[in-house]
Amino acid sequence: AQVRLDRPGLHRTPWLYLAGAGPMPAFTDAERNGLRRFLQYGGFLLVDSADASDGAGFDASVRKELAKVLPASPLAPIAREHVLWKSFYLLDRQGGRVLVKPWMEGQLLDGRVAVAYSQNDLGGAWARTELGDWEYPCTPGGEAQRETAIRTGVNLAMYALCTDYKDDAVHLPFILRRRS
């Protein structure tokens, strides 16, 4: 469902998804303020570039807007040690329909990733036709790349809904096996 960033009730969903291809229209001040408030109160935003742009198109416009929404937290690569990469699956990279960058960038609020940004078109890797077939091929890595995109999506959902509660618990079975 589409939501308006400048309307009350944005808090009713813990996770927003912003995807686009080509330049994105600038947010209004009210939209910027609504999104900032949503993020500051614990909301999570996944931004997904569908046009494989890097420095132009959707990438350039979304970077400009995110810098205005959270000016004290510039986009930066999410560290490989971050709980996002192990909230369910243990991952060392993200997938997507394309591979622009193997890492994801984020904006932090009090140590929490409030905004995650993928330039690899995760949504394109997840998309299915009405008959259930995959809508787009994943290049250059094929189905393994799609599987990584799906696992990335699961990790994003776990993180968006549970933040870092799995930071220590995710490795508990391995620790217990080693102790016995």
C-alpha atoms as a PDB file:
ATOM      1  CA  ALA A   1       0.000   0.000   0.000  1.00  0.00           C
ATOM      2  CA  GLN A   2       1.203   3.498  -0.724  1.00  0.00           C
ATOM      3  CA  VAL A   3       1.605   5.870   2.188  1.00  0.00           C
ATOM      4  CA  ARG A   4       1.915   9.619   2.346  1.00  0.00           C
ATOM      5  CA  LEU A   5       4.940  10.814   4.274  1.00  0.00           C
ATOM      6  CA  ASP A   6       3.187  14.041   5.223  1.00  0.00           C
ATOM      7  CA  ARG A   7       0.042  12.437   6.719  1.00  0.00           C
ATOM      8  CA  PRO A   8      -0.696  11.219  10.249  1.00  0.00           C
ATOM      9  CA  GLY A   9      -0.638   7.471  10.750  1.00  0.00           C
ATOM     10  CA  LEU A  10       2.753   6.788   9.215  1.00  0.00           C
ATOM     11  CA  HIS A  11       3.710   5.080  12.473  1.00  0.00           C
ATOM     12  CA  ARG A  12       1.191   2.285  11.818  1.00  0.00           C
ATOM     13  CA  THR A  13       3.781   0.448   9.770  1.00  0.00           C
ATOM     14  CA  PRO A  14       7.258  -0.294  11.143  1.00  0.00           C
ATOM     15  CA  TRP A  15       8.851  -0.579   7.697  1.00  0.00           C
ATOM     16  CA  LEU A  16       8.654   1.632   4.629  1.00  0.00           C
ATOM     17  CA  TYR A  17       9.945   0.648   1.187  1.00  0.00           C
ATOM     18  CA  LEU A  18      10.998   3.312  -1.316  1.00  0.00           C
ATOM     19  CA  ALA A  19      11.980   2.078  -4.761  1.00  0.00           C
ATOM     20  CA  GLY A  20      12.481   3.927  -7.978  1.00  0.00           C
ATOM     21  CA  ALA A  21      14.126   4.196 -11.352  1.00  0.00           C
ATOM     22  CA  GLY A  22      15.279   7.516 -12.720  1.00  0.00           C
ATOM     23  CA  PRO A  23      15.367  10.835 -10.911  1.00  0.00           C
ATOM     24  CA  MET A  24      13.001  11.057  -7.965  1.00  0.00           C
ATOM     25  CA  PRO A  25      10.991  14.234  -7.303  1.00  0.00           C
ATOM     26  CA  ALA A  26      12.190  16.131  -4.249  1.00  0.00           C
ATOM     27  CA  PHE A  27      10.277  15.653  -1.011  1.00  0.00           C
ATOM     28  CA  THR A  28       8.297  18.573   0.302  1.00  0.00           C
ATOM     29  CA  ASP A  29       9.277  19.971   3.694  1.00  0.00           C
ATOM     30  CA  ALA A  30       6.230  18.262   5.208  1.00  0.00           C
ATOM     31  CA  GLU A  31       7.220  14.895   3.678  1.00  0.00           C
ATOM     32  CA  ARG A  32      10.813  15.306   4.850  1.00  0.00           C
ATOM     33  CA  ASN A  33       9.654  16.146   8.382  1.00  0.00           C
ATOM     34  CA  GLY A  34       7.184  13.236   8.419  1.00  0.00           C
ATOM     35  CA  LEU A  35       9.847  10.757   7.335  1.00  0.00           C
ATOM     36  CA  ARG A  36      12.367  12.149   9.825  1.00  0.00           C
ATOM     37  CA  ARG A  37       9.841  11.796  12.651  1.00  0.00           C
ATOM     38  CA  PHE A  38       8.979   8.237  11.548  1.00  0.00           C
ATOM     39  CA  LEU A  39      12.659   7.255  11.595  1.00  0.00           C
ATOM     40  CA  GLN A  40      13.404   8.987  14.892  1.00  0.00           C
ATOM     41  CA  TYR A  41      10.561   7.112  16.576  1.00  0.00           C
ATOM     42  CA  GLY A  42      11.911   3.717  15.534  1.00  0.00           C
ATOM     43  CA  GLY A  43      10.720   3.291  11.953  1.00  0.00           C
ATOM     44  CA  PHE A  44      12.823   1.600   9.264  1.00  0.00           C
ATOM     45  CA  LEU A  45      13.159   2.630   5.619  1.00  0.00           C
ATOM     46  CA  LEU A  46      14.514   0.393   2.860  1.00  0.00           C
ATOM     47  CA  VAL A  47      15.506   2.368  -0.224  1.00  0.00           C
ATOM     48  CA  ASP A  48      15.964   0.249  -3.348  1.00  0.00           C
ATOM     49  CA  SER A  49      17.355   1.573  -6.617  1.00  0.00           C
ATOM     50  CA  ALA A  50      15.764  -0.226  -9.559  1.00  0.00           C
ATOM     51  CA  ASP A  51      17.733   1.558 -12.271  1.00  0.00           C
ATOM     52  CA  ALA A  52      21.261   0.360 -11.399  1.00  0.00           C
ATOM     53  CA  SER A  53      22.371   3.974 -11.220  1.00  0.00           C
ATOM     54  CA  ASP A  54      25.513   5.029  -9.390  1.00  0.00           C
ATOM     55  CA  GLY A  55      25.924   8.788  -9.089  1.00  0.00           C
ATOM     56  CA  ALA A  56      23.042   9.674 -11.420  1.00  0.00           C
ATOM     57  CA  GLY A  57      19.329   8.928 -11.816  1.00  0.00           C
ATOM     58  CA  PHE A  58      17.590   7.543  -8.744  1.00  0.00           C
ATOM     59  CA  ASP A  59      20.875   7.221  -6.855  1.00  0.00           C
ATOM     60  CA  ALA A  60      21.704  10.930  -7.086  1.00  0.00           C
ATOM     61  CA  SER A  61      18.215  12.150  -6.155  1.00  0.00           C
ATOM     62  CA  VAL A  62      17.700   9.731  -3.258  1.00  0.00           C
ATOM     63  CA  ARG A  63      21.116  10.558  -1.786  1.00  0.00           C
ATOM     64  CA  LYS A  64      20.238  14.250  -1.919  1.00  0.00           C
ATOM     65  CA  GLU A  65      16.894  13.687  -0.170  1.00  0.00           C
ATOM     66  CA  LEU A  66      18.261  11.326   2.502  1.00  0.00           C
ATOM     67  CA  ALA A  67      20.961  13.878   3.328  1.00  0.00           C
ATOM     68  CA  LYS A  68      18.199  16.396   4.004  1.00  0.00           C
ATOM     69  CA  VAL A  69      16.091  13.965   6.061  1.00  0.00           C
ATOM     70  CA  LEU A  70      18.947  12.917   8.368  1.00  0.00           C
ATOM     71  CA  PRO A  71      21.715  15.490   7.854  1.00  0.00           C
ATOM     72  CA  ALA A  72      23.685  14.360  10.926  1.00  0.00           C
ATOM     73  CA  SER A  73      23.884  10.782   9.602  1.00  0.00           C
ATOM     74  CA  PRO A  74      25.341  10.524   6.094  1.00  0.00           C
ATOM     75  CA  LEU A  75      24.937   7.310   4.122  1.00  0.00           C
ATOM     76  CA  ALA A  76      27.829   4.936   4.791  1.00  0.00           C
ATOM     77  CA  PRO A  77      28.465   1.237   4.097  1.00  0.00           C
ATOM     78  CA  ILE A  78      26.887  -1.032   6.698  1.00  0.00           C
ATOM     79  CA  ALA A  79      29.768  -2.906   8.338  1.00  0.00           C
ATOM     80  CA  ARG A  80      30.036  -6.640   7.687  1.00  0.00           C
ATOM     81  CA  GLU A  81      29.952  -7.190  11.457  1.00  0.00           C
ATOM     82  CA  HIS A  82      26.587  -5.445  11.829  1.00  0.00           C
ATOM     83  CA  VAL A  83      23.700  -7.565  13.131  1.00  0.00           C
ATOM     84  CA  LEU A  84      21.771  -6.856   9.902  1.00  0.00           C
ATOM     85  CA  TRP A  85      23.993  -9.389   8.134  1.00  0.00           C
ATOM     86  CA  LYS A  86      23.241 -12.088  10.717  1.00  0.00           C
ATOM     87  CA  SER A  87      19.705 -11.343  11.937  1.00  0.00           C
ATOM     88  CA  PHE A  88      18.534 -14.633  10.378  1.00  0.00           C
ATOM     89  CA  TYR A  89      20.926 -15.750   7.642  1.00  0.00           C
ATOM     90  CA  LEU A  90      24.667 -15.286   7.929  1.00  0.00           C
ATOM     91  CA  LEU A  91      25.492 -13.102   4.923  1.00  0.00           C
ATOM     92  CA  ASP A  92      28.641 -11.409   3.726  1.00  0.00           C
ATOM     93  CA  ARG A  93      27.043  -9.527   0.804  1.00  0.00           C
ATOM     94  CA  GLN A  94      23.675  -8.553  -0.622  1.00  0.00           C
ATOM     95  CA  GLY A  95      22.062  -9.841  -3.791  1.00  0.00           C
ATOM     96  CA  GLY A  96      19.665  -8.158  -6.186  1.00  0.00           C
ATOM     97  CA  ARG A  97      18.552  -8.139  -9.804  1.00  0.00           C
ATOM     98  CA  VAL A  98      21.865  -6.473 -10.667  1.00  0.00           C
ATOM     99  CA  LEU A  99      25.141  -6.087  -8.818  1.00  0.00           C
ATOM    100  CA  VAL A 100      26.065  -2.422  -8.601  1.00  0.00           C
ATOM    101  CA  LYS A 101      27.643  -2.744  -5.141  1.00  0.00           C
ATOM    102  CA  PRO A 102      28.159  -5.821  -2.953  1.00  0.00           C
ATOM    103  CA  TRP A 103      27.468  -3.813   0.194  1.00  0.00           C
ATOM    104  CA  MET A 104      24.475  -1.891   1.460  1.00  0.00           C
ATOM    105  CA  GLU A 105      24.628   1.618   2.825  1.00  0.00           C
ATOM    106  CA  GLY A 106      22.762   2.944   5.811  1.00  0.00           C
ATOM    107  CA  GLN A 107      21.958   5.931   7.934  1.00  0.00           C
ATOM    108  CA  LEU A 108      22.234   5.406  11.676  1.00  0.00           C
ATOM    109  CA  LEU A 109      20.185   6.867  14.506  1.00  0.00           C
ATOM    110  CA  ASP A 110      21.596   6.127  17.978  1.00  0.00           C
ATOM    111  CA  GLY A 111      23.522   3.149  16.577  1.00  0.00           C
ATOM    112  CA  ARG A 112      20.444   1.667  14.860  1.00  0.00           C
ATOM    113  CA  VAL A 113      20.230   1.414  11.076  1.00  0.00           C
ATOM    114  CA  ALA A 114      17.168   3.560  10.371  1.00  0.00           C
ATOM    115  CA  VAL A 115      17.656   3.667   6.583  1.00  0.00           C
ATOM    116  CA  ALA A 116      19.134   0.861   4.486  1.00  0.00           C
ATOM    117  CA  TYR A 117      19.977   1.647   0.865  1.00  0.00           C
ATOM    118  CA  SER A 118      20.561  -0.937  -1.846  1.00  0.00           C
ATOM    119  CA  GLN A 119      21.600  -0.032  -5.370  1.00  0.00           C
ATOM    120  CA  ASN A 120      21.120  -3.630  -6.550  1.00  0.00           C
ATOM    121  CA  ASP A 121      17.329  -3.681  -7.146  1.00  0.00           C
ATOM    122  CA  LEU A 122      16.311  -6.143  -4.467  1.00  0.00           C
ATOM    123  CA  GLY A 123      12.666  -5.747  -5.461  1.00  0.00           C
ATOM    124  CA  GLY A 124      13.481  -6.737  -9.031  1.00  0.00           C
ATOM    125  CA  ALA A 125      15.022  -9.982  -7.756  1.00  0.00           C
ATOM    126  CA  TRP A 126      11.929 -10.638  -5.605  1.00  0.00           C
ATOM    127  CA  ALA A 127       9.339  -9.816  -8.314  1.00  0.00           C
ATOM    128  CA  ARG A 128       7.140 -12.542  -9.758  1.00  0.00           C
ATOM    129  CA  THR A 129       4.705 -12.570 -12.666  1.00  0.00           C
ATOM    130  CA  GLU A 130       1.009 -13.333 -12.230  1.00  0.00           C
ATOM    131  CA  LEU A 131       1.841 -16.984 -12.958  1.00  0.00           C
ATOM    132  CA  GLY A 132       4.514 -17.109 -10.261  1.00  0.00           C
ATOM    133  CA  ASP A 133       7.558 -17.073 -12.532  1.00  0.00           C
ATOM    134  CA  TRP A 134      10.454 -14.771 -11.775  1.00  0.00           C
ATOM    135  CA  GLU A 135       9.812 -11.500 -13.559  1.00  0.00           C
ATOM    136  CA  TYR A 136      13.437 -10.499 -14.170  1.00  0.00           C
ATOM    137  CA  PRO A 137      16.705 -12.383 -14.596  1.00  0.00           C
ATOM    138  CA  CYS A 138      19.462 -11.681 -12.074  1.00  0.00           C
ATOM    139  CA  THR A 139      22.754 -10.720 -13.670  1.00  0.00           C
ATOM    140  CA  PRO A 140      25.543 -11.604 -13.602  1.00  0.00           C
ATOM    141  CA  GLY A 141      25.065 -14.218 -10.826  1.00  0.00           C
ATOM    142  CA  GLY A 142      21.773 -15.872 -11.804  1.00  0.00           C
ATOM    143  CA  GLU A 143      19.741 -17.816  -9.273  1.00  0.00           C
ATOM    144  CA  ALA A 144      22.445 -17.787  -6.586  1.00  0.00           C
ATOM    145  CA  GLN A 145      22.312 -13.996  -6.716  1.00  0.00           C
ATOM    146  CA  ARG A 146      18.497 -14.133  -6.414  1.00  0.00           C
ATOM    147  CA  GLU A 147      18.743 -16.436  -3.398  1.00  0.00           C
ATOM    148  CA  THR A 148      21.116 -13.990  -1.721  1.00  0.00           C
ATOM    149  CA  ALA A 149      18.618 -11.189  -2.468  1.00  0.00           C
ATOM    150  CA  ILE A 150      15.827 -13.202  -0.841  1.00  0.00           C
ATOM    151  CA  ARG A 151      18.004 -13.921   2.187  1.00  0.00           C
ATOM    152  CA  THR A 152      18.904 -10.236   2.353  1.00  0.00           C
ATOM    153  CA  GLY A 153      15.180  -9.443   2.400  1.00  0.00           C
ATOM    154  CA  VAL A 154      14.560 -11.868   5.260  1.00  0.00           C
ATOM    155  CA  ASN A 155      17.420 -10.312   7.227  1.00  0.00           C
ATOM    156  CA  LEU A 156      16.067  -6.826   6.524  1.00  0.00           C
ATOM    157  CA  ALA A 157      12.603  -7.846   7.762  1.00  0.00           C
ATOM    158  CA  MET A 158      14.047  -9.417  10.923  1.00  0.00           C
ATOM    159  CA  TYR A 159      16.138  -6.333  11.580  1.00  0.00           C
ATOM    160  CA  ALA A 160      13.316  -3.878  10.825  1.00  0.00           C
ATOM    161  CA  LEU A 161      10.972  -5.658  13.209  1.00  0.00           C
ATOM    162  CA  CYS A 162      13.400  -6.790  15.927  1.00  0.00           C
ATOM    163  CA  THR A 163      16.474  -4.510  15.529  1.00  0.00           C
ATOM    164  CA  ASP A 164      19.481  -6.014  17.304  1.00  0.00           C
ATOM    165  CA  TYR A 165      17.965  -8.564  19.676  1.00  0.00           C
ATOM    166  CA  LYS A 166      19.688 -11.291  17.633  1.00  0.00           C
ATOM    167  CA  ASP A 167      23.113  -9.696  17.939  1.00  0.00           C
ATOM    168  CA  ASP A 168      24.321 -12.293  20.430  1.00  0.00           C
ATOM    169  CA  ALA A 169      21.624 -14.960  20.133  1.00  0.00           C
ATOM    170  CA  VAL A 170      22.158 -15.744  16.441  1.00  0.00           C
ATOM    171  CA  HIS A 171      25.309 -17.715  17.182  1.00  0.00           C
ATOM    172  CA  LEU A 172      24.039 -19.437  20.328  1.00  0.00           C
ATOM    173  CA  PRO A 173      23.587 -22.917  18.709  1.00  0.00           C
ATOM    174  CA  PHE A 174      27.161 -22.851  17.410  1.00  0.00           C
ATOM    175  CA  ILE A 175      28.488 -21.768  20.807  1.00  0.00           C
ATOM    176  CA  LEU A 176      26.544 -24.498  22.609  1.00  0.00           C
ATOM    177  CA  ARG A 177      27.746 -27.153  20.142  1.00  0.00           C
ATOM    178  CA  ARG A 178      31.361 -26.140  20.710  1.00  0.00           C
ATOM    179  CA  ARG A 179      30.924 -26.262  24.497  1.00  0.00           C
ATOM    180  CA  SER A 180      29.609 -29.843  24.494  1.00  0.00           C
END
